[in-house]
Amino acid sequence: MGTAYRAAKGLLAVVGWTGLGVGLWFAVAPDETRRKEMAKDHPGSEQQTEKQQRNALVMSVIKEAAETNENVASKQWPWGK
């Protein structure tokens, strides 16, 4: 009986501390609108926008290459030599 009681008590302690940690995490973590606001003010956001545009351009070239039999590697790429 003593071993089962200690195991139940330990399990309850682990569950309790985990619940407390999760509750504190949700209390302190910013909501979705605040995260977007923080990301917009981040100094690297311009670079990220440029990366997204470049990735979209690369994906469009890959899509074009998949849809044609032409050798798109010999074409002039829109962003450089």
PDB file of N, CA and C in Angstrom:
ATOM      1  N   MET A   1       0.823  -1.189   0.000  1.00  0.00           N
ATOM      2  CA  MET A   1       0.000   0.000   0.000  1.00  0.00           C
ATOM      3  C   MET A   1       0.866   1.251   0.000  1.00  0.00           C
ATOM      4  N   GLY A   2       1.978   1.236   0.702  1.00  0.00           N
ATOM      5  CA  GLY A   2       2.860   2.393   0.800  1.00  0.00           C
ATOM      6  C   GLY A   2       3.524   2.738  -0.529  1.00  0.00           C
ATOM      7  N   THR A   3       3.907   1.714  -1.287  1.00  0.00           N
ATOM      8  CA  THR A   3       4.559   1.940  -2.576  1.00  0.00           C
ATOM      9  C   THR A   3       3.582   2.564  -3.570  1.00  0.00           C
ATOM     10  N   ALA A   4       2.357   2.059  -3.607  1.00  0.00           N
ATOM     11  CA  ALA A   4       1.344   2.601  -4.509  1.00  0.00           C
ATOM     12  C   ALA A   4       1.016   4.046  -4.141  1.00  0.00           C
ATOM     13  N   TYR A   5       0.976   4.326  -2.840  1.00  0.00           N
ATOM     14  CA  TYR A   5       0.696   5.691  -2.377  1.00  0.00           C
ATOM     15  C   TYR A   5       1.803   6.648  -2.807  1.00  0.00           C
ATOM     16  N   ARG A   6       3.076   6.207  -2.649  1.00  0.00           N
ATOM     17  CA  ARG A   6       4.204   7.050  -3.055  1.00  0.00           C
ATOM     18  C   ARG A   6       4.217   7.267  -4.567  1.00  0.00           C
ATOM     19  N   ALA A   7       3.897   6.213  -5.326  1.00  0.00           N
ATOM     20  CA  ALA A   7       3.863   6.337  -6.783  1.00  0.00           C
ATOM     21  C   ALA A   7       2.763   7.302  -7.211  1.00  0.00           C
ATOM     22  N   ALA A   8       1.592   7.198  -6.614  1.00  0.00           N
ATOM     23  CA  ALA A   8       0.487   8.091  -6.936  1.00  0.00           C
ATOM     24  C   ALA A   8       0.821   9.524  -6.546  1.00  0.00           C
ATOM     25  N   LYS A   9       1.462   9.682  -5.406  1.00  0.00           N
ATOM     26  CA  LYS A   9       1.856  11.014  -4.936  1.00  0.00           C
ATOM     27  C   LYS A   9       2.893  11.622  -5.886  1.00  0.00           C
ATOM     28  N   GLY A  10       3.855  10.825  -6.328  1.00  0.00           N
ATOM     29  CA  GLY A  10       4.870  11.297  -7.277  1.00  0.00           C
ATOM     30  C   GLY A  10       4.266  11.664  -8.612  1.00  0.00           C
ATOM     31  N   LEU A  11       3.350  10.823  -9.097  1.00  0.00           N
ATOM     32  CA  LEU A  11       2.677  11.100 -10.359  1.00  0.00           C
ATOM     33  C   LEU A  11       1.862  12.379 -10.262  1.00  0.00           C
ATOM     34  N   LEU A  12       1.170  12.561  -9.162  1.00  0.00           N
ATOM     35  CA  LEU A  12       0.394  13.773  -8.948  1.00  0.00           C
ATOM     36  C   LEU A  12       1.291  15.011  -8.907  1.00  0.00           C
ATOM     37  N   ALA A  13       2.458  14.882  -8.298  1.00  0.00           N
ATOM     38  CA  ALA A  13       3.404  15.996  -8.247  1.00  0.00           C
ATOM     39  C   ALA A  13       3.903  16.352  -9.649  1.00  0.00           C
ATOM     40  N   VAL A  14       4.244  15.336 -10.435  1.00  0.00           N
ATOM     41  CA  VAL A  14       4.724  15.585 -11.801  1.00  0.00           C
ATOM     42  C   VAL A  14       3.635  16.253 -12.633  1.00  0.00           C
ATOM     43  N   VAL A  15       2.423  15.740 -12.557  1.00  0.00           N
ATOM     44  CA  VAL A  15       1.307  16.317 -13.310  1.00  0.00           C
ATOM     45  C   VAL A  15       1.028  17.749 -12.836  1.00  0.00           C
ATOM     46  N   GLY A  16       1.095  17.966 -11.548  1.00  0.00           N
ATOM     47  CA  GLY A  16       0.846  19.295 -11.003  1.00  0.00           C
ATOM     48  C   GLY A  16       1.883  20.310 -11.460  1.00  0.00           C
ATOM     49  N   TRP A  17       3.156  19.960 -11.364  1.00  0.00           N
ATOM     50  CA  TRP A  17       4.216  20.883 -11.795  1.00  0.00           C
ATOM     51  C   TRP A  17       4.158  21.127 -13.294  1.00  0.00           C
ATOM     52  N   THR A  18       3.847  20.085 -14.065  1.00  0.00           N
ATOM     53  CA  THR A  18       3.713  20.257 -15.510  1.00  0.00           C
ATOM     54  C   THR A  18       2.548  21.190 -15.824  1.00  0.00           C
ATOM     55  N   GLY A  19       1.438  21.000 -15.157  1.00  0.00           N
ATOM     56  CA  GLY A  19       0.288  21.879 -15.353  1.00  0.00           C
ATOM     57  C   GLY A  19       0.601  23.318 -14.976  1.00  0.00           C
ATOM     58  N   LEU A  20       1.336  23.503 -13.897  1.00  0.00           N
ATOM     59  CA  LEU A  20       1.730  24.846 -13.483  1.00  0.00           C
ATOM     60  C   LEU A  20       2.632  25.485 -14.542  1.00  0.00           C
ATOM     61  N   GLY A  21       3.569  24.732 -15.070  1.00  0.00           N
ATOM     62  CA  GLY A  21       4.465  25.251 -16.113  1.00  0.00           C
ATOM     63  C   GLY A  21       3.719  25.631 -17.370  1.00  0.00           C
ATOM     64  N   VAL A  22       2.800  24.786 -17.806  1.00  0.00           N
ATOM     65  CA  VAL A  22       2.009  25.085 -19.000  1.00  0.00           C
ATOM     66  C   VAL A  22       1.127  26.304 -18.757  1.00  0.00           C
ATOM     67  N   GLY A  23       0.527  26.386 -17.587  1.00  0.00           N
ATOM     68  CA  GLY A  23      -0.315  27.540 -17.268  1.00  0.00           C
ATOM     69  C   GLY A  23       0.468  28.839 -17.272  1.00  0.00           C
ATOM     70  N   LEU A  24       1.662  28.817 -16.685  1.00  0.00           N
ATOM     71  CA  LEU A  24       2.501  30.010 -16.703  1.00  0.00           C
ATOM     72  C   LEU A  24       2.953  30.365 -18.109  1.00  0.00           C
ATOM     73  N   TRP A  25       3.231  29.353 -18.917  1.00  0.00           N
ATOM     74  CA  TRP A  25       3.632  29.592 -20.307  1.00  0.00           C
ATOM     75  C   TRP A  25       2.528  30.330 -21.055  1.00  0.00           C
ATOM     76  N   PHE A  26       1.293  29.871 -20.912  1.00  0.00           N
ATOM     77  CA  PHE A  26       0.184  30.527 -21.598  1.00  0.00           C
ATOM     78  C   PHE A  26      -0.087  31.913 -21.038  1.00  0.00           C
ATOM     79  N   ALA A  27       0.184  32.123 -19.773  1.00  0.00           N
ATOM     80  CA  ALA A  27      -0.052  33.432 -19.173  1.00  0.00           C
ATOM     81  C   ALA A  27       0.973  34.454 -19.655  1.00  0.00           C
ATOM     82  N   VAL A  28       2.201  34.018 -19.922  1.00  0.00           N
ATOM     83  CA  VAL A  28       3.270  34.940 -20.282  1.00  0.00           C
ATOM     84  C   VAL A  28       3.430  35.079 -21.787  1.00  0.00           C
ATOM     85  N   ALA A  29       3.149  34.041 -22.554  1.00  0.00           N
ATOM     86  CA  ALA A  29       3.373  34.060 -23.996  1.00  0.00           C
ATOM     87  C   ALA A  29       2.436  35.058 -24.672  1.00  0.00           C
ATOM     88  N   PRO A  30       2.956  35.801 -25.675  1.00  0.00           N
ATOM     89  CA  PRO A  30       2.113  36.775 -26.377  1.00  0.00           C
ATOM     90  C   PRO A  30       1.096  36.076 -27.282  1.00  0.00           C
ATOM     91  N   ASP A  31      -0.017  36.751 -27.519  1.00  0.00           N
ATOM     92  CA  ASP A  31      -1.028  36.171 -28.403  1.00  0.00           C
ATOM     93  C   ASP A  31      -0.614  36.391 -29.866  1.00  0.00           C
ATOM     94  N   GLU A  32      -1.429  35.891 -30.787  1.00  0.00           N
ATOM     95  CA  GLU A  32      -1.081  35.894 -32.214  1.00  0.00           C
ATOM     96  C   GLU A  32      -0.873  37.314 -32.752  1.00  0.00           C
ATOM     97  N   THR A  33      -1.748  38.241 -32.399  1.00  0.00           N
ATOM     98  CA  THR A  33      -1.612  39.602 -32.917  1.00  0.00           C
ATOM     99  C   THR A  33      -0.341  40.256 -32.398  1.00  0.00           C
ATOM    100  N   ARG A  34       0.000  40.013 -31.151  1.00  0.00           N
ATOM    101  CA  ARG A  34       1.228  40.586 -30.580  1.00  0.00           C
ATOM    102  C   ARG A  34       2.455  39.980 -31.242  1.00  0.00           C
ATOM    103  N   ARG A  35       2.427  38.678 -31.544  1.00  0.00           N
ATOM    104  CA  ARG A  35       3.562  38.037 -32.224  1.00  0.00           C
ATOM    105  C   ARG A  35       3.769  38.632 -33.607  1.00  0.00           C
ATOM    106  N   LYS A  36       2.669  38.870 -34.349  1.00  0.00           N
ATOM    107  CA  LYS A  36       2.789  39.479 -35.675  1.00  0.00           C
ATOM    108  C   LYS A  36       3.339  40.891 -35.578  1.00  0.00           C
ATOM    109  N   GLU A  37       2.894  41.621 -34.576  1.00  0.00           N
ATOM    110  CA  GLU A  37       3.371  42.978 -34.354  1.00  0.00           C
ATOM    111  C   GLU A  37       4.869  42.977 -34.028  1.00  0.00           C
ATOM    112  N   MET A  38       5.285  42.035 -33.197  1.00  0.00           N
ATOM    113  CA  MET A  38       6.695  41.935 -32.839  1.00  0.00           C
ATOM    114  C   MET A  38       7.538  41.535 -34.057  1.00  0.00           C
ATOM    115  N   ALA A  39       7.026  40.644 -34.886  1.00  0.00           N
ATOM    116  CA  ALA A  39       7.758  40.213 -36.072  1.00  0.00           C
ATOM    117  C   ALA A  39       7.893  41.354 -37.074  1.00  0.00           C
ATOM    118  N   LYS A  40       6.870  42.189 -37.157  1.00  0.00           N
ATOM    119  CA  LYS A  40       6.906  43.315 -38.082  1.00  0.00           C
ATOM    120  C   LYS A  40       7.969  44.323 -37.651  1.00  0.00           C
ATOM    121  N   ASP A  41       8.140  44.521 -36.357  1.00  0.00           N
ATOM    122  CA  ASP A  41       9.108  45.470 -35.838  1.00  0.00           C
ATOM    123  C   ASP A  41      10.526  44.907 -35.783  1.00  0.00           C
ATOM    124  N   HIS A  42      10.686  43.631 -36.042  1.00  0.00           N
ATOM    125  CA  HIS A  42      11.988  42.985 -35.973  1.00  0.00           C
ATOM    126  C   HIS A  42      12.878  43.501 -37.103  1.00  0.00           C
ATOM    127  N   PRO A  43      14.149  43.800 -36.831  1.00  0.00           N
ATOM    128  CA  PRO A  43      15.020  44.373 -37.860  1.00  0.00           C
ATOM    129  C   PRO A  43      15.264  43.449 -39.051  1.00  0.00           C
ATOM    130  N   GLY A  44      15.131  42.158 -38.902  1.00  0.00           N
ATOM    131  CA  GLY A  44      15.351  41.230 -40.008  1.00  0.00           C
ATOM    132  C   GLY A  44      14.124  40.990 -40.857  1.00  0.00           C
ATOM    133  N   SER A  45      13.037  41.693 -40.596  1.00  0.00           N
ATOM    134  CA  SER A  45      11.804  41.421 -41.328  1.00  0.00           C
ATOM    135  C   SER A  45      11.905  41.817 -42.795  1.00  0.00           C
ATOM    136  N   GLU A  46      12.700  42.858 -43.104  1.00  0.00           N
ATOM    137  CA  GLU A  46      12.877  43.244 -44.507  1.00  0.00           C
ATOM    138  C   GLU A  46      13.620  42.145 -45.259  1.00  0.00           C
ATOM    139  N   GLN A  47      14.639  41.579 -44.615  1.00  0.00           N
ATOM    140  CA  GLN A  47      15.387  40.502 -45.242  1.00  0.00           C
ATOM    141  C   GLN A  47      14.503  39.281 -45.457  1.00  0.00           C
ATOM    142  N   GLN A  48      13.632  39.031 -44.502  1.00  0.00           N
ATOM    143  CA  GLN A  48      12.749  37.881 -44.633  1.00  0.00           C
ATOM    144  C   GLN A  48      11.776  38.089 -45.789  1.00  0.00           C
ATOM    145  N   THR A  49      11.291  39.312 -45.959  1.00  0.00           N
ATOM    146  CA  THR A  49      10.395  39.613 -47.072  1.00  0.00           C
ATOM    147  C   THR A  49      11.123  39.409 -48.395  1.00  0.00           C
ATOM    148  N   GLU A  50      12.378  39.860 -48.462  1.00  0.00           N
ATOM    149  CA  GLU A  50      13.165  39.662 -49.677  1.00  0.00           C
ATOM    150  C   GLU A  50      13.377  38.177 -49.951  1.00  0.00           C
ATOM    151  N   LYS A  51      13.643  37.403 -48.910  1.00  0.00           N
ATOM    152  CA  LYS A  51      13.820  35.958 -49.074  1.00  0.00           C
ATOM    153  C   LYS A  51      12.540  35.318 -49.602  1.00  0.00           C
ATOM    154  N   GLN A  52      11.401  35.737 -49.059  1.00  0.00           N
ATOM    155  CA  GLN A  52      10.128  35.176 -49.504  1.00  0.00           C
ATOM    156  C   GLN A  52       9.875  35.511 -50.971  1.00  0.00           C
ATOM    157  N   GLN A  53      10.200  36.732 -51.386  1.00  0.00           N
ATOM    158  CA  GLN A  53      10.012  37.113 -52.787  1.00  0.00           C
ATOM    159  C   GLN A  53      10.942  36.317 -53.683  1.00  0.00           C
ATOM    160  N   ARG A  54      12.195  36.152 -53.268  1.00  0.00           N
ATOM    161  CA  ARG A  54      13.156  35.387 -54.063  1.00  0.00           C
ATOM    162  C   ARG A  54      12.724  33.922 -54.153  1.00  0.00           C
ATOM    163  N   ASN A  55      12.249  33.365 -53.049  1.00  0.00           N
ATOM    164  CA  ASN A  55      11.770  31.980 -53.065  1.00  0.00           C
ATOM    165  C   ASN A  55      10.565  31.821 -53.980  1.00  0.00           C
ATOM    166  N   ALA A  56       9.677  32.812 -53.979  1.00  0.00           N
ATOM    167  CA  ALA A  56       8.518  32.759 -54.872  1.00  0.00           C
ATOM    168  C   ALA A  56       8.968  32.802 -56.325  1.00  0.00           C
ATOM    169  N   LEU A  57       9.980  33.599 -56.610  1.00  0.00           N
ATOM    170  CA  LEU A  57      10.511  33.683 -57.965  1.00  0.00           C
ATOM    171  C   LEU A  57      11.136  32.365 -58.389  1.00  0.00           C
ATOM    172  N   VAL A  58      11.909  31.757 -57.507  1.00  0.00           N
ATOM    173  CA  VAL A  58      12.524  30.464 -57.807  1.00  0.00           C
ATOM    174  C   VAL A  58      11.451  29.399 -58.034  1.00  0.00           C
ATOM    175  N   MET A  59      10.417  29.431 -57.202  1.00  0.00           N
ATOM    176  CA  MET A  59       9.342  28.445 -57.369  1.00  0.00           C
ATOM    177  C   MET A  59       8.619  28.634 -58.698  1.00  0.00           C
ATOM    178  N   SER A  60       8.456  29.882 -59.133  1.00  0.00           N
ATOM    179  CA  SER A  60       7.810  30.116 -60.430  1.00  0.00           C
ATOM    180  C   SER A  60       8.679  29.590 -61.567  1.00  0.00           C
ATOM    181  N   VAL A  61      10.004  29.736 -61.457  1.00  0.00           N
ATOM    182  CA  VAL A  61      10.908  29.202 -62.476  1.00  0.00           C
ATOM    183  C   VAL A  61      10.848  27.684 -62.484  1.00  0.00           C
ATOM    184  N   ILE A  62      10.808  27.077 -61.311  1.00  0.00           N
ATOM    185  CA  ILE A  62      10.714  25.611 -61.232  1.00  0.00           C
ATOM    186  C   ILE A  62       9.395  25.132 -61.825  1.00  0.00           C
ATOM    187  N   LYS A  63       8.324  25.853 -61.549  1.00  0.00           N
ATOM    188  CA  LYS A  63       7.020  25.480 -62.105  1.00  0.00           C
ATOM    189  C   LYS A  63       7.043  25.592 -63.621  1.00  0.00           C
ATOM    190  N   GLU A  64       7.644  26.676 -64.127  1.00  0.00           N
ATOM    191  CA  GLU A  64       7.742  26.853 -65.578  1.00  0.00           C
ATOM    192  C   GLU A  64       8.558  25.733 -66.200  1.00  0.00           C
ATOM    193  N   ALA A  65       9.652  25.350 -65.527  1.00  0.00           N
ATOM    194  CA  ALA A  65      10.504  24.280 -66.040  1.00  0.00           C
ATOM    195  C   ALA A  65       9.763  22.951 -66.068  1.00  0.00           C
ATOM    196  N   ALA A  66       8.905  22.742 -65.102  1.00  0.00           N
ATOM    197  CA  ALA A  66       8.157  21.484 -65.058  1.00  0.00           C
ATOM    198  C   ALA A  66       7.095  21.416 -66.143  1.00  0.00           C
ATOM    199  N   GLU A  67       6.628  22.581 -66.591  1.00  0.00           N
ATOM    200  CA  GLU A  67       5.540  22.610 -67.566  1.00  0.00           C
ATOM    201  C   GLU A  67       6.020  22.652 -69.015  1.00  0.00           C
ATOM    202  N   THR A  68       7.316  22.773 -69.256  1.00  0.00           N
ATOM    203  CA  THR A  68       7.816  22.901 -70.622  1.00  0.00           C
ATOM    204  C   THR A  68       8.954  21.930 -70.864  1.00  0.00           C
ATOM    205  N   ASN A  69       9.236  21.711 -72.127  1.00  0.00           N
ATOM    206  CA  ASN A  69      10.368  20.866 -72.514  1.00  0.00           C
ATOM    207  C   ASN A  69      11.600  21.705 -72.818  1.00  0.00           C
ATOM    208  N   GLU A  70      11.482  23.025 -72.747  1.00  0.00           N
ATOM    209  CA  GLU A  70      12.583  23.932 -73.025  1.00  0.00           C
ATOM    210  C   GLU A  70      13.632  23.855 -71.911  1.00  0.00           C
ATOM    211  N   ASN A  71      14.887  24.096 -72.266  1.00  0.00           N
ATOM    212  CA  ASN A  71      15.963  24.102 -71.290  1.00  0.00           C
ATOM    213  C   ASN A  71      15.962  25.459 -70.582  1.00  0.00           C
ATOM    214  N   VAL A  72      15.366  25.518 -69.411  1.00  0.00           N
ATOM    215  CA  VAL A  72      15.256  26.796 -68.698  1.00  0.00           C
ATOM    216  C   VAL A  72      16.570  27.182 -68.035  1.00  0.00           C
ATOM    217  N   ALA A  73      17.532  26.285 -67.954  1.00  0.00           N
ATOM    218  CA  ALA A  73      18.820  26.612 -67.350  1.00  0.00           C
ATOM    219  C   ALA A  73      19.592  27.597 -68.211  1.00  0.00           C
ATOM    220  N   SER A  74      19.332  27.602 -69.509  1.00  0.00           N
ATOM    221  CA  SER A  74      20.051  28.507 -70.404  1.00  0.00           C
ATOM    222  C   SER A  74      19.389  29.882 -70.476  1.00  0.00           C
ATOM    223  N   LYS A  75      18.219  30.060 -69.861  1.00  0.00           N
ATOM    224  CA  LYS A  75      17.523  31.345 -69.884  1.00  0.00           C
ATOM    225  C   LYS A  75      18.189  32.333 -68.934  1.00  0.00           C
ATOM    226  N   GLN A  76      17.935  33.612 -69.151  1.00  0.00           N
ATOM    227  CA  GLN A  76      18.416  34.651 -68.248  1.00  0.00           C
ATOM    228  C   GLN A  76      17.490  34.684 -67.042  1.00  0.00           C
ATOM    229  N   TRP A  77      18.033  34.514 -65.841  1.00  0.00           N
ATOM    230  CA  TRP A  77      17.233  34.525 -64.633  1.00  0.00           C
ATOM    231  C   TRP A  77      16.889  35.959 -64.263  1.00  0.00           C
ATOM    232  N   PRO A  78      15.719  36.201 -63.699  1.00  0.00           N
ATOM    233  CA  PRO A  78      15.267  37.572 -63.435  1.00  0.00           C
ATOM    234  C   PRO A  78      16.072  38.305 -62.376  1.00  0.00           C
ATOM    235  N   TRP A  79      16.840  37.631 -61.538  1.00  0.00           N
ATOM    236  CA  TRP A  79      17.496  38.305 -60.427  1.00  0.00           C
ATOM    237  C   TRP A  79      19.010  38.385 -60.549  1.00  0.00           C
ATOM    238  N   GLY A  80      19.581  38.066 -61.670  1.00  0.00           N
ATOM    239  CA  GLY A  80      21.037  38.176 -61.764  1.00  0.00           C
ATOM    240  C   GLY A  80      21.591  37.650 -63.059  1.00  0.00           C
ATOM    241  N   LYS A  81      22.902  37.528 -63.078  1.00  0.00           N
ATOM    242  CA  LYS A  81      23.604  37.050 -64.276  1.00  0.00           C
ATOM    243  C   LYS A  81      23.387  35.591 -64.511  1.00  0.00           C
TER     244      LYS A  81
END
